[in-house]
Amino acid sequence: MLKKTLISLAAMAVLSSAASIPATAHHSTGAFYSDERMDVEGDVVEFLYVNPHGQLVIQDASSTYWVGEMGSVLGLQRAGLSKAKLPAGSHIKINAQKSRDGSNRVFIRQILKDGEEIYTNEPTK
């Protein structure tokens, strides 16, 4: 009886581990953003430090608004980026992937503030 119970528990552990592997997967940026990069310089209007993706709204010198998508809050924290580092009115420069649909939506790969890199999220190869 004990042997059957141990085998059942081991089988359940293996199956539950295998079932959780796909749950860690996430979509890539390729579906929404091209490989083409661009720089945007302007002032932070709002920094939404929220899951599933942080959002940064920037207004450039021509008064155009840009919405930059970023990683999760945990990813931003791991990269050393906090909400306090980007208050509204901060002047920044970003390097980002352009949106495939031509909108003013971008995926942020780097943020410079006062010429200093404060965030980077480069894909691994």
PDB file of N, CA and C in Angstrom:
ATOM      1  N   MET A   1       0.827  -1.202   0.000  1.00  0.00           N
ATOM      2  CA  MET A   1       0.000   0.000   0.000  1.00  0.00           C
ATOM      3  C   MET A   1       0.865   1.257   0.000  1.00  0.00           C
ATOM      4  N   LEU A   2       1.904   1.267   0.842  1.00  0.00           N
ATOM      5  CA  LEU A   2       2.795   2.421   0.929  1.00  0.00           C
ATOM      6  C   LEU A   2       3.520   2.642  -0.393  1.00  0.00           C
ATOM      7  N   LYS A   3       3.884   1.546  -1.045  1.00  0.00           N
ATOM      8  CA  LYS A   3       4.591   1.642  -2.326  1.00  0.00           C
ATOM      9  C   LYS A   3       3.696   2.285  -3.384  1.00  0.00           C
ATOM     10  N   LYS A   4       2.407   1.897  -3.429  1.00  0.00           N
ATOM     11  CA  LYS A   4       1.455   2.483  -4.382  1.00  0.00           C
ATOM     12  C   LYS A   4       1.277   3.969  -4.120  1.00  0.00           C
ATOM     13  N   THR A   5       1.195   4.346  -2.870  1.00  0.00           N
ATOM     14  CA  THR A   5       1.031   5.752  -2.506  1.00  0.00           C
ATOM     15  C   THR A   5       2.239   6.574  -2.933  1.00  0.00           C
ATOM     16  N   LEU A   6       3.433   6.052  -2.670  1.00  0.00           N
ATOM     17  CA  LEU A   6       4.654   6.760  -3.066  1.00  0.00           C
ATOM     18  C   LEU A   6       4.759   6.899  -4.582  1.00  0.00           C
ATOM     19  N   ILE A   7       4.412   5.845  -5.310  1.00  0.00           N
ATOM     20  CA  ILE A   7       4.440   5.904  -6.772  1.00  0.00           C
ATOM     21  C   ILE A   7       3.425   6.926  -7.280  1.00  0.00           C
ATOM     22  N   SER A   8       2.241   6.927  -6.694  1.00  0.00           N
ATOM     23  CA  SER A   8       1.204   7.893  -7.089  1.00  0.00           C
ATOM     24  C   SER A   8       1.652   9.321  -6.822  1.00  0.00           C
ATOM     25  N   LEU A   9       2.236   9.571  -5.659  1.00  0.00           N
ATOM     26  CA  LEU A   9       2.721  10.908  -5.329  1.00  0.00           C
ATOM     27  C   LEU A   9       3.839  11.348  -6.272  1.00  0.00           C
ATOM     28  N   ALA A  10       4.752  10.438  -6.590  1.00  0.00           N
ATOM     29  CA  ALA A  10       5.841  10.763  -7.514  1.00  0.00           C
ATOM     30  C   ALA A  10       5.289  11.079  -8.903  1.00  0.00           C
ATOM     31  N   ALA A  11       4.326  10.301  -9.354  1.00  0.00           N
ATOM     32  CA  ALA A  11       3.722  10.532 -10.667  1.00  0.00           C
ATOM     33  C   ALA A  11       2.996  11.881 -10.702  1.00  0.00           C
ATOM     34  N   MET A  12       2.288  12.193  -9.633  1.00  0.00           N
ATOM     35  CA  MET A  12       1.587  13.485  -9.572  1.00  0.00           C
ATOM     36  C   MET A  12       2.578  14.650  -9.574  1.00  0.00           C
ATOM     37  N   ALA A  13       3.692  14.508  -8.886  1.00  0.00           N
ATOM     38  CA  ALA A  13       4.704  15.568  -8.853  1.00  0.00           C
ATOM     39  C   ALA A  13       5.294  15.792 -10.241  1.00  0.00           C
ATOM     40  N   VAL A  14       5.596  14.709 -10.939  1.00  0.00           N
ATOM     41  CA  VAL A  14       6.153  14.823 -12.297  1.00  0.00           C
ATOM     42  C   VAL A  14       5.135  15.466 -13.233  1.00  0.00           C
ATOM     43  N   LEU A  15       3.895  15.034 -13.187  1.00  0.00           N
ATOM     44  CA  LEU A  15       2.866  15.575 -14.067  1.00  0.00           C
ATOM     45  C   LEU A  15       2.571  17.042 -13.764  1.00  0.00           C
ATOM     46  N   SER A  16       2.522  17.409 -12.495  1.00  0.00           N
ATOM     47  CA  SER A  16       2.238  18.807 -12.166  1.00  0.00           C
ATOM     48  C   SER A  16       3.409  19.702 -12.572  1.00  0.00           C
ATOM     49  N   SER A  17       4.630  19.202 -12.465  1.00  0.00           N
ATOM     50  CA  SER A  17       5.793  19.969 -12.917  1.00  0.00           C
ATOM     51  C   SER A  17       5.760  20.162 -14.417  1.00  0.00           C
ATOM     52  N   ALA A  18       5.435  19.108 -15.145  1.00  0.00           N
ATOM     53  CA  ALA A  18       5.382  19.179 -16.603  1.00  0.00           C
ATOM     54  C   ALA A  18       4.268  20.117 -17.060  1.00  0.00           C
ATOM     55  N   ALA A  19       3.162  20.116 -16.345  1.00  0.00           N
ATOM     56  CA  ALA A  19       2.038  20.978 -16.717  1.00  0.00           C
ATOM     57  C   ALA A  19       2.347  22.447 -16.488  1.00  0.00           C
ATOM     58  N   SER A  20       3.236  22.758 -15.552  1.00  0.00           N
ATOM     59  CA  SER A  20       3.521  24.159 -15.247  1.00  0.00           C
ATOM     60  C   SER A  20       4.553  24.767 -16.190  1.00  0.00           C
ATOM     61  N   ILE A  21       5.286  23.969 -16.937  1.00  0.00           N
ATOM     62  CA  ILE A  21       6.306  24.489 -17.842  1.00  0.00           C
ATOM     63  C   ILE A  21       5.708  25.425 -18.893  1.00  0.00           C
ATOM     64  N   PRO A  22       4.620  25.056 -19.595  1.00  0.00           N
ATOM     65  CA  PRO A  22       4.068  25.990 -20.578  1.00  0.00           C
ATOM     66  C   PRO A  22       3.559  27.281 -19.948  1.00  0.00           C
ATOM     67  N   ALA A  23       3.203  27.265 -18.693  1.00  0.00           N
ATOM     68  CA  ALA A  23       2.685  28.465 -18.030  1.00  0.00           C
ATOM     69  C   ALA A  23       3.750  29.539 -17.875  1.00  0.00           C
ATOM     70  N   THR A  24       5.018  29.156 -17.925  1.00  0.00           N
ATOM     71  CA  THR A  24       6.078  30.145 -17.797  1.00  0.00           C
ATOM     72  C   THR A  24       6.375  30.835 -19.115  1.00  0.00           C
ATOM     73  N   ALA A  25       5.880  30.309 -20.228  1.00  0.00           N
ATOM     74  CA  ALA A  25       6.130  30.905 -21.535  1.00  0.00           C
ATOM     75  C   ALA A  25       5.344  32.208 -21.673  1.00  0.00           C
ATOM     76  N   HIS A  26       5.853  33.093 -22.533  1.00  0.00           N
ATOM     77  CA  HIS A  26       5.197  34.364 -22.761  1.00  0.00           C
ATOM     78  C   HIS A  26       5.386  34.743 -24.212  1.00  0.00           C
ATOM     79  N   HIS A  27       4.541  35.599 -24.712  1.00  0.00           N
ATOM     80  CA  HIS A  27       4.667  35.991 -26.114  1.00  0.00           C
ATOM     81  C   HIS A  27       5.921  36.830 -26.333  1.00  0.00           C
ATOM     82  N   SER A  28       6.421  36.774 -27.552  1.00  0.00           N
ATOM     83  CA  SER A  28       7.580  37.605 -27.879  1.00  0.00           C
ATOM     84  C   SER A  28       7.089  38.957 -28.371  1.00  0.00           C
ATOM     85  N   THR A  29       8.011  39.866 -28.594  1.00  0.00           N
ATOM     86  CA  THR A  29       7.648  41.183 -29.113  1.00  0.00           C
ATOM     87  C   THR A  29       7.452  41.155 -30.621  1.00  0.00           C
ATOM     88  N   GLY A  30       7.878  40.071 -31.281  1.00  0.00           N
ATOM     89  CA  GLY A  30       7.848  39.983 -32.734  1.00  0.00           C
ATOM     90  C   GLY A  30       6.471  40.127 -33.359  1.00  0.00           C
ATOM     91  N   ALA A  31       5.436  39.745 -32.667  1.00  0.00           N
ATOM     92  CA  ALA A  31       4.085  39.838 -33.223  1.00  0.00           C
ATOM     93  C   ALA A  31       3.597  41.284 -33.313  1.00  0.00           C
ATOM     94  N   PHE A  32       4.099  42.139 -32.445  1.00  0.00           N
ATOM     95  CA  PHE A  32       3.591  43.505 -32.357  1.00  0.00           C
ATOM     96  C   PHE A  32       4.605  44.570 -32.775  1.00  0.00           C
ATOM     97  N   TYR A  33       5.887  44.235 -32.670  1.00  0.00           N
ATOM     98  CA  TYR A  33       6.940  45.219 -32.925  1.00  0.00           C
ATOM     99  C   TYR A  33       7.934  44.673 -33.937  1.00  0.00           C
ATOM    100  N   SER A  34       8.402  45.553 -34.826  1.00  0.00           N
ATOM    101  CA  SER A  34       9.384  45.150 -35.830  1.00  0.00           C
ATOM    102  C   SER A  34      10.782  45.160 -35.205  1.00  0.00           C
ATOM    103  N   ASP A  35      11.752  44.679 -35.968  1.00  0.00           N
ATOM    104  CA  ASP A  35      13.141  44.725 -35.506  1.00  0.00           C
ATOM    105  C   ASP A  35      13.739  46.117 -35.692  1.00  0.00           C
ATOM    106  N   GLU A  36      13.039  46.968 -36.438  1.00  0.00           N
ATOM    107  CA  GLU A  36      13.529  48.326 -36.695  1.00  0.00           C
ATOM    108  C   GLU A  36      13.485  49.146 -35.408  1.00  0.00           C
ATOM    109  N   ARG A  37      14.566  49.854 -35.147  1.00  0.00           N
ATOM    110  CA  ARG A  37      14.683  50.649 -33.914  1.00  0.00           C
ATOM    111  C   ARG A  37      14.519  52.131 -34.210  1.00  0.00           C
ATOM    112  N   MET A  38      14.173  52.853 -33.179  1.00  0.00           N
ATOM    113  CA  MET A  38      14.064  54.304 -33.262  1.00  0.00           C
ATOM    114  C   MET A  38      14.393  54.913 -31.909  1.00  0.00           C
ATOM    115  N   ASP A  39      14.777  56.177 -31.923  1.00  0.00           N
ATOM    116  CA  ASP A  39      15.006  56.931 -30.697  1.00  0.00           C
ATOM    117  C   ASP A  39      13.895  57.949 -30.538  1.00  0.00           C
ATOM    118  N   VAL A  40      13.445  58.124 -29.320  1.00  0.00           N
ATOM    119  CA  VAL A  40      12.458  59.154 -28.992  1.00  0.00           C
ATOM    120  C   VAL A  40      13.009  59.909 -27.796  1.00  0.00           C
ATOM    121  N   GLU A  41      13.002  61.224 -27.885  1.00  0.00           N
ATOM    122  CA  GLU A  41      13.441  62.055 -26.772  1.00  0.00           C
ATOM    123  C   GLU A  41      12.283  62.952 -26.374  1.00  0.00           C
ATOM    124  N   GLY A  42      12.042  63.050 -25.081  1.00  0.00           N
ATOM    125  CA  GLY A  42      10.945  63.877 -24.614  1.00  0.00           C
ATOM    126  C   GLY A  42      10.783  63.797 -23.113  1.00  0.00           C
ATOM    127  N   ASP A  43       9.611  64.215 -22.661  1.00  0.00           N
ATOM    128  CA  ASP A  43       9.327  64.264 -21.231  1.00  0.00           C
ATOM    129  C   ASP A  43       8.330  63.175 -20.842  1.00  0.00           C
ATOM    130  N   VAL A  44       8.557  62.596 -19.674  1.00  0.00           N
ATOM    131  CA  VAL A  44       7.650  61.579 -19.150  1.00  0.00           C
ATOM    132  C   VAL A  44       6.329  62.248 -18.776  1.00  0.00           C
ATOM    133  N   VAL A  45       5.257  61.726 -19.324  1.00  0.00           N
ATOM    134  CA  VAL A  45       3.914  62.181 -18.966  1.00  0.00           C
ATOM    135  C   VAL A  45       3.369  61.308 -17.844  1.00  0.00           C
ATOM    136  N   GLU A  46       3.580  59.995 -17.995  1.00  0.00           N
ATOM    137  CA  GLU A  46       3.084  59.049 -16.989  1.00  0.00           C
ATOM    138  C   GLU A  46       3.878  57.756 -17.086  1.00  0.00           C
ATOM    139  N   PHE A  47       4.156  57.163 -15.956  1.00  0.00           N
ATOM    140  CA  PHE A  47       4.824  55.868 -15.896  1.00  0.00           C
ATOM    141  C   PHE A  47       3.901  54.930 -15.137  1.00  0.00           C
ATOM    142  N   LEU A  48       3.310  53.996 -15.857  1.00  0.00           N
ATOM    143  CA  LEU A  48       2.415  53.018 -15.249  1.00  0.00           C
ATOM    144  C   LEU A  48       3.235  51.798 -14.875  1.00  0.00           C
ATOM    145  N   TYR A  49       3.514  51.652 -13.620  1.00  0.00           N
ATOM    146  CA  TYR A  49       4.342  50.582 -13.076  1.00  0.00           C
ATOM    147  C   TYR A  49       3.404  49.449 -12.691  1.00  0.00           C
ATOM    148  N   VAL A  50       2.879  48.757 -13.719  1.00  0.00           N
ATOM    149  CA  VAL A  50       1.830  47.753 -13.520  1.00  0.00           C
ATOM    150  C   VAL A  50       2.137  46.491 -14.316  1.00  0.00           C
ATOM    151  N   ASN A  51       1.519  45.386 -13.901  1.00  0.00           N
ATOM    152  CA  ASN A  51       1.584  44.146 -14.664  1.00  0.00           C
ATOM    153  C   ASN A  51       0.398  44.072 -15.600  1.00  0.00           C
ATOM    154  N   PRO A  52       0.438  43.382 -16.722  1.00  0.00           N
ATOM    155  CA  PRO A  52       1.539  42.511 -17.096  1.00  0.00           C
ATOM    156  C   PRO A  52       2.729  43.238 -17.720  1.00  0.00           C
ATOM    157  N   HIS A  53       2.562  44.484 -18.153  1.00  0.00           N
ATOM    158  CA  HIS A  53       3.663  45.227 -18.763  1.00  0.00           C
ATOM    159  C   HIS A  53       3.637  46.669 -18.287  1.00  0.00           C
ATOM    160  N   GLY A  54       4.796  47.155 -17.865  1.00  0.00           N
ATOM    161  CA  GLY A  54       4.899  48.569 -17.543  1.00  0.00           C
ATOM    162  C   GLY A  54       4.668  49.397 -18.796  1.00  0.00           C
ATOM    163  N   GLN A  55       4.104  50.582 -18.634  1.00  0.00           N
ATOM    164  CA  GLN A  55       3.829  51.471 -19.754  1.00  0.00           C
ATOM    165  C   GLN A  55       4.412  52.847 -19.433  1.00  0.00           C
ATOM    166  N   LEU A  56       5.067  53.428 -20.408  1.00  0.00           N
ATOM    167  CA  LEU A  56       5.673  54.735 -20.240  1.00  0.00           C
ATOM    168  C   LEU A  56       5.124  55.649 -21.326  1.00  0.00           C
ATOM    169  N   VAL A  57       4.485  56.753 -20.934  1.00  0.00           N
ATOM    170  CA  VAL A  57       3.945  57.710 -21.892  1.00  0.00           C
ATOM    171  C   VAL A  57       4.903  58.897 -21.945  1.00  0.00           C
ATOM    172  N   ILE A  58       5.348  59.220 -23.168  1.00  0.00           N
ATOM    173  CA  ILE A  58       6.331  60.284 -23.391  1.00  0.00           C
ATOM    174  C   ILE A  58       5.753  61.283 -24.386  1.00  0.00           C
ATOM    175  N   GLN A  59       6.020  62.556 -24.158  1.00  0.00           N
ATOM    176  CA  GLN A  59       5.646  63.596 -25.121  1.00  0.00           C
ATOM    177  C   GLN A  59       6.934  64.183 -25.675  1.00  0.00           C
ATOM    178  N   ASP A  60       7.097  64.127 -27.016  1.00  0.00           N
ATOM    179  CA  ASP A  60       8.326  64.639 -27.628  1.00  0.00           C
ATOM    180  C   ASP A  60       8.220  66.137 -27.903  1.00  0.00           C
ATOM    181  N   ALA A  61       9.256  66.721 -28.500  1.00  0.00           N
ATOM    182  CA  ALA A  61       9.323  68.168 -28.738  1.00  0.00           C
ATOM    183  C   ALA A  61       8.230  68.671 -29.675  1.00  0.00           C
ATOM    184  N   SER A  62       7.701  67.783 -30.536  1.00  0.00           N
ATOM    185  CA  SER A  62       6.626  68.187 -31.449  1.00  0.00           C
ATOM    186  C   SER A  62       5.242  67.927 -30.850  1.00  0.00           C
ATOM    187  N   SER A  63       5.193  67.662 -29.546  1.00  0.00           N
ATOM    188  CA  SER A  63       3.957  67.390 -28.801  1.00  0.00           C
ATOM    189  C   SER A  63       3.278  66.081 -29.187  1.00  0.00           C
ATOM    190  N   THR A  64       4.024  65.176 -29.809  1.00  0.00           N
ATOM    191  CA  THR A  64       3.508  63.847 -30.135  1.00  0.00           C
ATOM    192  C   THR A  64       3.663  62.956 -28.913  1.00  0.00           C
ATOM    193  N   TYR A  65       2.623  62.194 -28.629  1.00  0.00           N
ATOM    194  CA  TYR A  65       2.670  61.254 -27.507  1.00  0.00           C
ATOM    195  C   TYR A  65       3.110  59.885 -28.010  1.00  0.00           C
ATOM    196  N   TRP A  66       3.975  59.243 -27.254  1.00  0.00           N
ATOM    197  CA  TRP A  66       4.465  57.905 -27.529  1.00  0.00           C
ATOM    198  C   TRP A  66       4.164  57.037 -26.314  1.00  0.00           C
ATOM    199  N   VAL A  67       3.672  55.829 -26.568  1.00  0.00           N
ATOM    200  CA  VAL A  67       3.423  54.883 -25.490  1.00  0.00           C
ATOM    201  C   VAL A  67       4.445  53.762 -25.628  1.00  0.00           C
ATOM    202  N   GLY A  68       5.257  53.611 -24.613  1.00  0.00           N
ATOM    203  CA  GLY A  68       6.288  52.584 -24.618  1.00  0.00           C
ATOM    204  C   GLY A  68       5.918  51.443 -23.699  1.00  0.00           C
ATOM    205  N   GLU A  69       5.946  50.255 -24.251  1.00  0.00           N
ATOM    206  CA  GLU A  69       5.682  49.051 -23.463  1.00  0.00           C
ATOM    207  C   GLU A  69       7.011  48.530 -22.931  1.00  0.00           C
ATOM    208  N   MET A  70       6.964  47.949 -21.752  1.00  0.00           N
ATOM    209  CA  MET A  70       8.158  47.416 -21.109  1.00  0.00           C
ATOM    210  C   MET A  70       7.836  46.041 -20.533  1.00  0.00           C
ATOM    211  N   GLY A  71       8.746  45.511 -19.753  1.00  0.00           N
ATOM    212  CA  GLY A  71       8.535  44.218 -19.114  1.00  0.00           C
ATOM    213  C   GLY A  71       7.593  44.309 -17.927  1.00  0.00           C
ATOM    214  N   SER A  72       7.492  43.208 -17.208  1.00  0.00           N
ATOM    215  CA  SER A  72       6.653  43.150 -16.011  1.00  0.00           C
ATOM    216  C   SER A  72       7.288  43.960 -14.887  1.00  0.00           C
ATOM    217  N   VAL A  73       6.530  44.219 -13.849  1.00  0.00           N
ATOM    218  CA  VAL A  73       7.051  44.948 -12.694  1.00  0.00           C
ATOM    219  C   VAL A  73       8.252  44.209 -12.107  1.00  0.00           C
ATOM    220  N   LEU A  74       8.174  42.897 -12.008  1.00  0.00           N
ATOM    221  CA  LEU A  74       9.298  42.124 -11.480  1.00  0.00           C
ATOM    222  C   LEU A  74      10.531  42.299 -12.374  1.00  0.00           C
ATOM    223  N   GLY A  75      10.345  42.261 -13.697  1.00  0.00           N
ATOM    224  CA  GLY A  75      11.457  42.477 -14.617  1.00  0.00           C
ATOM    225  C   GLY A  75      12.046  43.869 -14.500  1.00  0.00           C
ATOM    226  N   LEU A  76      11.180  44.862 -14.323  1.00  0.00           N
ATOM    227  CA  LEU A  76      11.653  46.242 -14.140  1.00  0.00           C
ATOM    228  C   LEU A  76      12.444  46.366 -12.844  1.00  0.00           C
ATOM    229  N   GLN A  77      11.954  45.743 -11.786  1.00  0.00           N
ATOM    230  CA  GLN A  77      12.667  45.768 -10.505  1.00  0.00           C
ATOM    231  C   GLN A  77      14.027  45.100 -10.635  1.00  0.00           C
ATOM    232  N   ARG A  78      14.070  43.964 -11.316  1.00  0.00           N
ATOM    233  CA  ARG A  78      15.340  43.255 -11.504  1.00  0.00           C
ATOM    234  C   ARG A  78      16.338  44.096 -12.300  1.00  0.00           C
ATOM    235  N   ALA A  79      15.828  44.911 -13.215  1.00  0.00           N
ATOM    236  CA  ALA A  79      16.688  45.778 -14.023  1.00  0.00           C
ATOM    237  C   ALA A  79      17.051  47.059 -13.270  1.00  0.00           C
ATOM    238  N   GLY A  80      16.516  47.221 -12.059  1.00  0.00           N
ATOM    239  CA  GLY A  80      16.841  48.391 -11.240  1.00  0.00           C
ATOM    240  C   GLY A  80      15.983  49.612 -11.512  1.00  0.00           C
ATOM    241  N   LEU A  81      14.871  49.435 -12.215  1.00  0.00           N
ATOM    242  CA  LEU A  81      14.011  50.571 -12.540  1.00  0.00           C
ATOM    243  C   LEU A  81      12.817  50.617 -11.594  1.00  0.00           C
ATOM    244  N   SER A  82      12.679  51.722 -10.909  1.00  0.00           N
ATOM    245  CA  SER A  82      11.537  51.929 -10.010  1.00  0.00           C
ATOM    246  C   SER A  82      10.721  53.118 -10.511  1.00  0.00           C
ATOM    247  N   LYS A  83       9.518  53.227 -10.029  1.00  0.00           N
ATOM    248  CA  LYS A  83       8.650  54.350 -10.413  1.00  0.00           C
ATOM    249  C   LYS A  83       9.284  55.681 -10.012  1.00  0.00           C
ATOM    250  N   ALA A  84      10.007  55.686  -8.908  1.00  0.00           N
ATOM    251  CA  ALA A  84      10.635  56.918  -8.418  1.00  0.00           C
ATOM    252  C   ALA A  84      11.715  57.450  -9.367  1.00  0.00           C
ATOM    253  N   LYS A  85      12.286  56.587 -10.187  1.00  0.00           N
ATOM    254  CA  LYS A  85      13.344  57.014 -11.111  1.00  0.00           C
ATOM    255  C   LYS A  85      12.811  57.769 -12.326  1.00  0.00           C
ATOM    256  N   LEU A  86      11.495  57.654 -12.590  1.00  0.00           N
ATOM    257  CA  LEU A  86      10.908  58.307 -13.755  1.00  0.00           C
ATOM    258  C   LEU A  86       9.653  59.098 -13.405  1.00  0.00           C
ATOM    259  N   PRO A  87       9.783  60.126 -12.568  1.00  0.00           N
ATOM    260  CA  PRO A  87       8.593  60.925 -12.254  1.00  0.00           C
ATOM    261  C   PRO A  87       8.142  61.729 -13.475  1.00  0.00           C
ATOM    262  N   ALA A  88       6.880  62.115 -13.496  1.00  0.00           N
ATOM    263  CA  ALA A  88       6.353  62.952 -14.578  1.00  0.00           C
ATOM    264  C   ALA A  88       7.219  64.204 -14.704  1.00  0.00           C
ATOM    265  N   GLY A  89       7.504  64.567 -15.948  1.00  0.00           N
ATOM    266  CA  GLY A  89       8.330  65.744 -16.220  1.00  0.00           C
ATOM    267  C   GLY A  89       9.797  65.420 -16.462  1.00  0.00           C
ATOM    268  N   SER A  90      10.224  64.198 -16.136  1.00  0.00           N
ATOM    269  CA  SER A  90      11.616  63.808 -16.377  1.00  0.00           C
ATOM    270  C   SER A  90      11.899  63.847 -17.874  1.00  0.00           C
ATOM    271  N   HIS A  91      13.048  64.396 -18.250  1.00  0.00           N
ATOM    272  CA  HIS A  91      13.449  64.417 -19.651  1.00  0.00           C
ATOM    273  C   HIS A  91      14.292  63.171 -19.915  1.00  0.00           C
ATOM    274  N   ILE A  92      13.872  62.374 -20.898  1.00  0.00           N
ATOM    275  CA  ILE A  92      14.554  61.112 -21.183  1.00  0.00           C
ATOM    276  C   ILE A  92      14.719  60.916 -22.689  1.00  0.00           C
ATOM    277  N   LYS A  93      15.540  59.935 -23.012  1.00  0.00           N
ATOM    278  CA  LYS A  93      15.691  59.477 -24.389  1.00  0.00           C
ATOM    279  C   LYS A  93      15.568  57.965 -24.347  1.00  0.00           C
ATOM    280  N   ILE A  94      14.739  57.427 -25.239  1.00  0.00           N
ATOM    281  CA  ILE A  94      14.577  55.979 -25.286  1.00  0.00           C
ATOM    282  C   ILE A  94      15.025  55.455 -26.639  1.00  0.00           C
ATOM    283  N   ASN A  95      15.441  54.187 -26.643  1.00  0.00           N
ATOM    284  CA  ASN A  95      15.667  53.449 -27.871  1.00  0.00           C
ATOM    285  C   ASN A  95      14.658  52.314 -27.827  1.00  0.00           C
ATOM    286  N   ALA A  96      13.903  52.166 -28.917  1.00  0.00           N
ATOM    287  CA  ALA A  96      12.792  51.227 -28.880  1.00  0.00           C
ATOM    288  C   ALA A  96      12.544  50.594 -30.241  1.00  0.00           C
ATOM    289  N   GLN A  97      11.841  49.462 -30.205  1.00  0.00           N
ATOM    290  CA  GLN A  97      11.390  48.804 -31.419  1.00  0.00           C
ATOM    291  C   GLN A  97      10.100  49.465 -31.876  1.00  0.00           C
ATOM    292  N   LYS A  98       9.997  49.719 -33.190  1.00  0.00           N
ATOM    293  CA  LYS A  98       8.803  50.337 -33.758  1.00  0.00           C
ATOM    294  C   LYS A  98       7.636  49.360 -33.801  1.00  0.00           C
ATOM    295  N   SER A  99       6.452  49.924 -33.715  1.00  0.00           N
ATOM    296  CA  SER A  99       5.235  49.132 -33.819  1.00  0.00           C
ATOM    297  C   SER A  99       5.037  48.664 -35.255  1.00  0.00           C
ATOM    298  N   ARG A 100       4.554  47.457 -35.429  1.00  0.00           N
ATOM    299  CA  ARG A 100       4.279  46.936 -36.780  1.00  0.00           C
ATOM    300  C   ARG A 100       3.115  47.667 -37.440  1.00  0.00           C
ATOM    301  N   ASP A 101       2.183  48.193 -36.642  1.00  0.00           N
ATOM    302  CA  ASP A 101       1.009  48.847 -37.230  1.00  0.00           C
ATOM    303  C   ASP A 101       1.223  50.334 -37.512  1.00  0.00           C
ATOM    304  N   GLY A 102       2.436  50.840 -37.273  1.00  0.00           N
ATOM    305  CA  GLY A 102       2.741  52.237 -37.586  1.00  0.00           C
ATOM    306  C   GLY A 102       2.253  53.237 -36.551  1.00  0.00           C
ATOM    307  N   SER A 103       1.700  52.763 -35.461  1.00  0.00           N
ATOM    308  CA  SER A 103       1.203  53.672 -34.422  1.00  0.00           C
ATOM    309  C   SER A 103       2.369  54.206 -33.590  1.00  0.00           C
ATOM    310  N   ASN A 104       2.077  55.087 -32.677  1.00  0.00           N
ATOM    311  CA  ASN A 104       3.083  55.659 -31.783  1.00  0.00           C
ATOM    312  C   ASN A 104       3.286  54.787 -30.554  1.00  0.00           C
ATOM    313  N   ARG A 105       3.214  53.514 -30.763  1.00  0.00           N
ATOM    314  CA  ARG A 105       3.437  52.539 -29.698  1.00  0.00           C
ATOM    315  C   ARG A 105       4.772  51.860 -29.978  1.00  0.00           C
ATOM    316  N   VAL A 106       5.608  51.734 -28.964  1.00  0.00           N
ATOM    317  CA  VAL A 106       6.937  51.149 -29.131  1.00  0.00           C
ATOM    318  C   VAL A 106       7.238  50.186 -27.988  1.00  0.00           C
ATOM    319  N   PHE A 107       8.230  49.323 -28.202  1.00  0.00           N
ATOM    320  CA  PHE A 107       8.699  48.454 -27.136  1.00  0.00           C
ATOM    321  C   PHE A 107      10.066  48.961 -26.710  1.00  0.00           C
ATOM    322  N   ILE A 108      10.165  49.440 -25.487  1.00  0.00           N
ATOM    323  CA  ILE A 108      11.377  50.108 -25.004  1.00  0.00           C
ATOM    324  C   ILE A 108      12.479  49.104 -24.703  1.00  0.00           C
ATOM    325  N   ARG A 109      13.656  49.387 -25.273  1.00  0.00           N
ATOM    326  CA  ARG A 109      14.833  48.560 -25.033  1.00  0.00           C
ATOM    327  C   ARG A 109      15.856  49.267 -24.147  1.00  0.00           C
ATOM    328  N   GLN A 110      15.860  50.594 -24.156  1.00  0.00           N
ATOM    329  CA  GLN A 110      16.830  51.339 -23.349  1.00  0.00           C
ATOM    330  C   GLN A 110      16.247  52.702 -22.988  1.00  0.00           C
ATOM    331  N   ILE A 111      16.554  53.150 -21.765  1.00  0.00           N
ATOM    332  CA  ILE A 111      16.170  54.493 -21.326  1.00  0.00           C
ATOM    333  C   ILE A 111      17.415  55.203 -20.820  1.00  0.00           C
ATOM    334  N   LEU A 112      17.624  56.421 -21.319  1.00  0.00           N
ATOM    335  CA  LEU A 112      18.696  57.291 -20.835  1.00  0.00           C
ATOM    336  C   LEU A 112      18.072  58.492 -20.157  1.00  0.00           C
ATOM    337  N   LYS A 113      18.594  58.836 -19.002  1.00  0.00           N
ATOM    338  CA  LYS A 113      18.144  60.029 -18.274  1.00  0.00           C
ATOM    339  C   LYS A 113      19.405  60.793 -17.890  1.00  0.00           C
ATOM    340  N   ASP A 114      19.455  62.060 -18.267  1.00  0.00           N
ATOM    341  CA  ASP A 114      20.652  62.880 -18.039  1.00  0.00           C
ATOM    342  C   ASP A 114      21.887  62.209 -18.625  1.00  0.00           C
ATOM    343  N   GLY A 115      21.714  61.562 -19.794  1.00  0.00           N
ATOM    344  CA  GLY A 115      22.821  60.912 -20.478  1.00  0.00           C
ATOM    345  C   GLY A 115      23.270  59.594 -19.875  1.00  0.00           C
ATOM    346  N   GLU A 116      22.627  59.157 -18.806  1.00  0.00           N
ATOM    347  CA  GLU A 116      23.011  57.927 -18.119  1.00  0.00           C
ATOM    348  C   GLU A 116      21.950  56.853 -18.355  1.00  0.00           C
ATOM    349  N   GLU A 117      22.411  55.646 -18.664  1.00  0.00           N
ATOM    350  CA  GLU A 117      21.481  54.543 -18.854  1.00  0.00           C
ATOM    351  C   GLU A 117      20.867  54.145 -17.512  1.00  0.00           C
ATOM    352  N   ILE A 118      19.530  54.178 -17.460  1.00  0.00           N
ATOM    353  CA  ILE A 118      18.860  53.767 -16.219  1.00  0.00           C
ATOM    354  C   ILE A 118      18.049  52.489 -16.415  1.00  0.00           C
ATOM    355  N   TYR A 119      17.926  52.048 -17.664  1.00  0.00           N
ATOM    356  CA  TYR A 119      17.183  50.821 -17.946  1.00  0.00           C
ATOM    357  C   TYR A 119      17.647  50.254 -19.276  1.00  0.00           C
ATOM    358  N   THR A 120      17.806  48.946 -19.315  1.00  0.00           N
ATOM    359  CA  THR A 120      18.057  48.258 -20.573  1.00  0.00           C
ATOM    360  C   THR A 120      17.356  46.913 -20.549  1.00  0.00           C
ATOM    361  N   ASN A 121      16.848  46.531 -21.699  1.00  0.00           N
ATOM    362  CA  ASN A 121      16.173  45.253 -21.877  1.00  0.00           C
ATOM    363  C   ASN A 121      16.467  44.793 -23.291  1.00  0.00           C
ATOM    364  N   GLU A 122      17.627  44.207 -23.470  1.00  0.00           N
ATOM    365  CA  GLU A 122      18.029  43.723 -24.781  1.00  0.00           C
ATOM    366  C   GLU A 122      17.759  42.230 -24.877  1.00  0.00           C
ATOM    367  N   PRO A 123      17.269  41.783 -26.038  1.00  0.00           N
ATOM    368  CA  PRO A 123      17.007  40.350 -26.192  1.00  0.00           C
ATOM    369  C   PRO A 123      18.305  39.537 -26.146  1.00  0.00           C
ATOM    370  N   THR A 124      18.202  38.322 -25.620  1.00  0.00           N
ATOM    371  CA  THR A 124      19.364  37.433 -25.601  1.00  0.00           C
ATOM    372  C   THR A 124      19.379  36.653 -26.902  1.00  0.00           C
ATOM    373  N   LYS A 125      20.553  36.354 -27.357  1.00  0.00           N
ATOM    374  CA  LYS A 125      20.670  35.610 -28.631  1.00  0.00           C
ATOM    375  C   LYS A 125      21.219  34.252 -28.396  1.00  0.00           C
TER     376      LYS A 125
END
